[in-house]
Protein backbone atom coordinates (compact mmCIF):
# COMPACT_ATOMS: atom_id res chain seq x y z
CA MET A 1 -26.73 -92.88 1.62
CA LYS A 2 -29.73 -90.51 1.87
CA VAL A 3 -29.70 -86.77 0.62
CA THR A 4 -32.05 -84.16 1.98
CA ARG A 5 -32.43 -80.31 1.83
CA ILE A 6 -30.50 -78.50 4.51
CA THR A 7 -33.20 -75.97 6.04
CA GLU A 8 -33.69 -74.13 9.41
CA LYS A 9 -34.90 -77.28 10.92
CA ASN A 10 -31.98 -79.39 10.24
CA ARG A 11 -29.23 -77.08 9.60
CA GLU A 12 -27.51 -77.80 13.13
CA PHE A 13 -27.21 -81.54 12.01
CA PHE A 14 -24.60 -80.26 9.25
CA GLU A 15 -22.93 -77.42 10.96
CA GLU A 16 -19.65 -79.01 10.98
CA LEU A 17 -19.62 -79.67 7.29
CA ILE A 18 -20.38 -76.31 5.63
CA PRO A 19 -19.14 -72.73 6.29
CA GLU A 20 -21.74 -70.67 8.68
CA GLU A 21 -22.10 -67.95 6.11
CA LEU A 22 -23.43 -70.58 3.63
CA LEU A 23 -25.20 -72.61 6.26
CA TYR A 24 -27.40 -69.52 6.93
CA SER A 25 -27.59 -68.02 3.43
CA GLU A 26 -30.85 -67.72 1.89
CA ASP A 27 -29.34 -67.38 -1.81
CA HIS A 28 -28.18 -70.89 -1.78
CA LEU A 29 -29.65 -74.17 -2.18
CA LEU A 30 -28.22 -76.45 0.29
CA LEU A 31 -28.08 -80.10 0.26
CA GLY A 32 -26.79 -82.73 2.65
CA ALA A 33 -26.08 -86.40 2.67
CA ILE A 34 -26.74 -88.63 5.61
CA SER A 35 -24.84 -92.03 5.94
CA ASP A 36 -26.39 -95.49 6.47
CA ASP A 37 -25.51 -94.89 10.10
CA ASP A 38 -27.77 -91.71 10.22
CA GLU A 39 -24.69 -89.47 10.64
CA ALA A 40 -24.38 -86.18 8.61
CA CYS A 41 -21.20 -86.92 6.21
CA ALA A 42 -21.37 -84.34 3.34
CA ALA A 43 -22.75 -81.06 2.21
CA LEU A 44 -23.19 -79.16 -1.02
CA ALA A 45 -24.00 -75.27 -1.37
CA VAL A 46 -24.94 -73.98 -4.99
CA GLU A 47 -26.58 -70.65 -6.21
CA ALA A 48 -28.08 -69.62 -9.50
CA PHE A 49 -26.70 -67.05 -11.58
CA GLU A 50 -28.16 -66.45 -15.12
CA SER A 51 -28.01 -69.87 -17.07
CA LEU A 52 -25.75 -71.41 -14.68
CA ALA A 53 -25.72 -73.17 -11.31
CA LEU A 54 -22.52 -72.12 -9.37
CA ILE A 55 -21.35 -74.73 -6.80
CA ARG A 56 -19.77 -72.90 -3.84
CA TRP A 57 -19.17 -75.55 -1.49
CA LEU A 58 -18.88 -79.43 -2.00
CA TYR A 59 -17.37 -81.36 0.98
CA THR A 60 -17.40 -84.85 2.20
CA ASP A 61 -16.13 -85.88 5.65
CA PRO A 62 -12.91 -87.81 4.83
CA ASP A 63 -13.87 -90.60 6.80
CA VAL A 64 -16.56 -91.85 4.61
CA ARG A 65 -15.25 -90.64 1.20
CA GLU A 66 -15.73 -92.73 -1.98
CA GLN A 67 -18.94 -94.37 -0.44
CA GLY A 68 -21.15 -92.29 -2.70
CA ALA A 69 -22.08 -89.33 -0.77
CA ALA A 70 -21.02 -86.72 -3.20
CA THR A 71 -22.39 -88.63 -6.31
CA ALA A 72 -25.75 -88.86 -4.42
CA MET A 73 -25.76 -85.17 -3.88
CA MET A 74 -25.01 -84.27 -7.45
CA ASP A 75 -27.50 -86.51 -8.72
CA VAL A 76 -30.41 -84.91 -6.71
CA LEU A 77 -29.07 -81.62 -7.97
CA THR A 78 -28.92 -82.39 -11.56
CA SER A 79 -32.32 -83.85 -11.16
CA ILE A 80 -33.66 -80.59 -9.71
CA LEU A 81 -31.87 -78.45 -12.32
CA LYS A 82 -33.41 -80.28 -15.07
CA HIS A 83 -36.74 -78.95 -14.29
CA THR A 84 -35.43 -75.40 -14.45
CA GLU A 85 -33.96 -72.97 -17.05
CA ILE A 86 -30.45 -73.71 -15.85
CA GLU A 87 -28.16 -75.28 -18.59
CA GLY A 88 -25.01 -76.10 -16.64
CA ILE A 89 -23.03 -76.31 -13.45
CA GLU A 90 -19.73 -74.43 -12.75
CA ILE A 91 -17.35 -74.81 -9.97
CA ASP A 92 -13.78 -73.35 -8.89
CA PHE A 93 -11.72 -75.17 -6.54
CA GLU A 94 -8.43 -75.49 -5.00
CA ASP A 95 -5.94 -78.00 -6.69
CA ARG A 96 -5.31 -79.39 -3.13
CA ALA A 97 -8.88 -80.29 -2.66
CA GLY A 98 -8.22 -84.03 -2.53
CA GLY A 99 -9.92 -86.19 -5.14
CA LEU A 100 -12.34 -83.64 -6.23
CA ASP A 101 -10.53 -83.34 -9.58
CA ASP A 102 -11.20 -86.84 -10.36
CA PHE A 103 -14.70 -86.97 -9.04
CA LEU A 104 -15.82 -83.99 -11.11
CA THR A 105 -14.16 -85.46 -14.32
CA ASP A 106 -15.72 -88.98 -13.72
CA TYR A 107 -19.30 -87.31 -13.10
CA GLY A 108 -18.94 -85.53 -16.53
CA PHE A 109 -17.33 -82.21 -15.79
CA LEU A 110 -14.62 -80.61 -18.08
CA VAL A 111 -11.90 -79.96 -15.81
CA GLY A 112 -9.01 -77.59 -16.43
CA SER A 113 -6.19 -75.88 -14.50
CA ASP A 114 -5.98 -72.19 -14.13
CA PRO A 115 -2.26 -71.53 -13.26
CA GLY A 116 -2.55 -67.91 -13.70
CA ILE A 117 -5.62 -66.73 -11.74
CA TYR A 118 -5.59 -63.36 -10.40
CA LYS A 119 -7.93 -61.39 -7.90
CA VAL A 120 -7.79 -57.74 -7.94
CA PRO A 121 -9.93 -55.23 -5.76
CA ILE A 122 -11.86 -53.45 -8.43
CA ALA A 123 -11.19 -50.07 -6.55
CA ASP A 124 -7.49 -50.73 -7.45
CA LEU A 125 -7.92 -50.71 -10.92
CA VAL A 126 -10.74 -47.81 -11.51
CA TYR A 127 -9.29 -45.32 -9.03
CA GLY A 128 -5.92 -45.13 -10.60
CA ALA A 129 -4.55 -42.30 -12.59
CA VAL A 130 -3.55 -44.32 -15.20
CA ILE A 131 -7.04 -45.72 -16.12
CA GLU A 132 -8.32 -42.17 -16.01
CA GLU A 133 -5.60 -41.06 -18.40
CA LEU A 134 -6.24 -43.91 -20.56
CA ALA A 135 -9.94 -43.19 -20.93
CA GLU A 136 -9.44 -39.59 -21.57
CA ASN A 137 -7.08 -40.28 -24.34
CA ASP A 138 -8.49 -43.41 -25.92
CA ARG A 139 -7.81 -43.10 -29.57
CA TYR A 140 -9.56 -46.48 -30.56
CA GLU A 141 -12.69 -45.92 -28.90
CA LYS A 142 -14.85 -46.43 -32.05
CA ARG A 143 -13.13 -50.01 -32.70
CA ILE A 144 -14.45 -51.24 -29.47
CA HIS A 145 -17.99 -53.06 -29.58
CA PRO A 146 -20.32 -55.10 -27.06
CA LEU A 147 -20.93 -58.51 -27.96
CA SER A 148 -24.57 -57.52 -28.67
CA ASP A 149 -23.44 -55.31 -31.60
CA GLY A 150 -24.13 -56.85 -35.11
CA ASP A 151 -22.14 -60.02 -35.76
CA ILE A 152 -19.50 -59.18 -33.17
CA GLY A 153 -20.82 -62.09 -30.85
CA LYS A 154 -20.46 -64.61 -33.53
CA LYS A 155 -16.96 -63.25 -34.67
CA THR A 156 -16.02 -63.23 -31.04
CA VAL A 157 -16.77 -66.93 -30.73
CA GLU A 158 -14.78 -67.74 -33.82
CA PHE A 159 -11.86 -65.60 -32.35
CA VAL A 160 -11.59 -67.44 -29.14
CA GLN A 161 -11.92 -70.94 -31.01
CA ARG A 162 -8.55 -69.74 -32.94
CA TYR A 163 -6.99 -69.60 -29.35
CA GLY A 164 -8.22 -73.28 -28.55
CA MET A 165 -11.14 -72.15 -26.29
CA ASP A 166 -14.14 -74.22 -26.16
CA PRO A 167 -16.87 -71.55 -26.73
CA THR A 168 -19.31 -73.50 -24.28
CA TYR A 169 -17.12 -72.36 -21.57
CA LEU A 170 -18.49 -68.93 -22.26
CA THR A 171 -21.85 -69.76 -21.18
CA GLY A 172 -23.31 -66.96 -18.93
CA ILE A 173 -21.13 -64.10 -20.36
CA SER A 174 -22.40 -60.49 -19.31
CA LEU A 175 -23.51 -58.53 -22.46
CA ARG A 176 -23.10 -55.54 -20.41
CA TYR A 177 -19.57 -55.95 -19.25
CA SER A 178 -18.05 -57.98 -22.28
CA PHE A 179 -16.42 -56.26 -25.18
CA SER A 180 -14.37 -57.03 -28.40
CA ALA A 181 -12.24 -54.82 -30.42
CA VAL A 182 -11.83 -54.97 -34.29
CA ASP A 183 -8.66 -54.21 -36.53
CA GLU A 184 -8.80 -51.91 -39.53
CA ASP A 185 -10.38 -54.76 -41.61
CA GLY A 186 -13.08 -55.08 -39.16
CA ASN A 187 -11.85 -58.50 -37.58
CA ILE A 188 -11.73 -59.35 -33.99
CA SER A 189 -8.31 -58.40 -32.76
CA CYS A 190 -8.95 -58.77 -28.87
CA CYS A 191 -11.79 -59.31 -26.39
CA ILE A 192 -12.63 -59.25 -22.58
CA LEU A 193 -15.39 -61.60 -21.67
CA ILE A 194 -16.77 -61.07 -18.07
CA ARG A 195 -19.39 -62.86 -15.99
CA GLU A 196 -21.20 -60.91 -13.07
CA ARG A 197 -21.39 -62.51 -9.66
CA ASN A 198 -24.10 -62.05 -7.26
CA GLU A 199 -21.92 -60.85 -4.66
CA GLY A 200 -20.80 -57.93 -6.80
CA ASP A 201 -17.46 -59.53 -7.97
CA LEU A 202 -16.72 -59.49 -11.79
CA ASP A 203 -14.99 -62.84 -13.28
CA VAL A 204 -12.96 -62.40 -16.63
CA ALA A 205 -14.00 -65.59 -18.31
CA TYR A 206 -11.68 -64.94 -21.10
CA MET A 207 -9.27 -62.32 -22.23
CA ALA A 208 -7.14 -62.59 -25.45
CA SER A 209 -5.32 -60.36 -27.88
CA ASP A 210 -3.54 -60.79 -31.36
CA GLY A 211 -0.80 -58.57 -29.92
CA SER A 212 -2.17 -54.99 -29.79
CA PHE A 213 -1.62 -53.65 -26.30
CA GLN A 214 -3.42 -50.28 -27.31
CA LEU A 215 -6.53 -52.05 -28.46
CA LEU A 216 -6.64 -54.20 -25.40
CA ALA A 217 -6.16 -51.20 -23.12
CA SER A 218 -9.20 -49.69 -25.10
CA THR A 219 -11.35 -52.55 -24.53
CA LEU A 220 -10.41 -52.32 -20.66
CA CYS A 221 -11.50 -48.73 -20.70
CA ALA A 222 -14.92 -49.61 -22.05
CA VAL A 223 -15.28 -51.90 -19.15
CA TYR A 224 -14.02 -49.25 -16.81
CA ASP A 225 -16.63 -46.81 -18.17
CA VAL A 226 -19.57 -49.61 -17.48
CA ILE A 227 -18.07 -50.02 -13.90
CA LEU A 228 -18.23 -46.48 -13.11
CA GLU A 229 -21.63 -45.97 -14.78
CA ASP A 230 -23.10 -48.86 -12.62
CA ASN A 231 -21.36 -47.75 -9.53
CA ARG A 232 -19.81 -51.10 -9.20
CA THR A 233 -16.55 -50.36 -7.56
CA GLU A 234 -16.81 -52.66 -4.68
CA GLY A 235 -15.54 -56.23 -4.74
CA TYR A 236 -13.06 -57.96 -6.99
CA ILE A 237 -12.52 -58.75 -10.53
CA THR A 238 -11.00 -62.22 -11.06
CA PHE A 239 -9.20 -63.35 -14.22
CA THR A 240 -6.99 -65.85 -15.73
CA ASP A 241 -4.21 -64.67 -17.91
CA ARG A 242 -3.06 -67.03 -20.68
CA THR A 243 -1.03 -64.57 -22.81
CA ASP A 244 0.59 -62.35 -19.98
CA LYS A 245 -1.13 -59.34 -21.63
CA ALA A 246 -3.69 -59.00 -18.81
CA VAL A 247 -0.93 -59.02 -16.24
CA GLU A 248 1.31 -56.47 -18.07
CA ILE A 249 -1.81 -54.04 -17.98
CA ILE A 250 -2.83 -54.82 -14.31
CA GLU A 251 0.78 -54.01 -13.20
CA LYS A 252 0.65 -50.66 -15.13
CA LEU A 253 -2.86 -49.70 -13.84
CA THR A 254 -2.23 -50.38 -10.27
CA GLY A 255 1.51 -49.94 -10.01
CA ALA A 256 1.71 -53.23 -7.94
CA ASP A 257 3.49 -56.52 -8.69
CA SER A 258 0.91 -58.96 -10.19
CA GLU A 259 2.09 -61.52 -7.74
CA GLU A 260 0.24 -59.71 -4.88
CA TYR A 261 -2.92 -60.63 -6.69
CA ARG A 262 -2.20 -64.33 -7.82
CA ILE A 263 -4.42 -67.05 -6.50
CA PRO A 264 -2.34 -70.25 -6.65
CA GLY A 265 -3.42 -73.82 -7.36
CA ARG A 266 -6.87 -73.07 -8.84
CA LYS A 267 -8.98 -75.33 -11.20
CA HIS A 268 -12.37 -75.06 -12.84
CA GLY A 269 -14.96 -77.26 -13.89
CA ILE A 270 -18.04 -76.90 -16.06
CA MET A 271 -20.75 -79.43 -17.03
CA LEU A 272 -23.34 -78.19 -19.68
CA ASN A 273 -26.45 -79.62 -21.43
CA LEU A 274 -28.50 -80.46 -18.30
CA ILE A 275 -31.64 -79.75 -20.13
């Protein structure tokens, strides 16, 4: 099994293995595997964002699976990344992607199910009358803090650990779009932690609350303000809801049933400490 960079000179050789928008993209590193019979048999597409490498495509021809093609490409990828400032590799994939879960786990990824993943057009959230009213009558604005504010970042890590979240999963969190709220005693009561995606989308990596709907709504208002300030109203905001609080807010803000936004059967994998 041989691995090669997919370039303009050889991309036609791999066109059956990778979507056209990735095959001709200038923003992705493309790797391909060639079998011992000199046939293109697998392809991988990855892009860098901040400290993470995001796998956008990983596919092996079903006829040659379990022959080492994916492993060979991953070996080359990790070898390349060790010479960069990239700290980890992340991938989202459908649960029905045959064998990918087991492959990633065996390779060293931490893989988990995301049964409640939702993808909402940002415009559906920020152009509704409800969010405008919330922002105008926000009584808890002074309790909302960016992660860069004092020891808020450290307290937020401790907060998510109480919910059983491994803080290493939060690599690449945007300090621009992530906020935490404190209670009257100065303790973290809720947080919304967001990653920025290159294509303009936002990914809520984690959202949790101790129970105050008002504080969570105010935290969302802080995100709303930054989105408008940055004119980032195109694209989507994706989130995983583990407490049903996010779904409750989304339904109130959009007036739509949350099932319209649910993405079924998704999983997430991450591997850190490449350096």
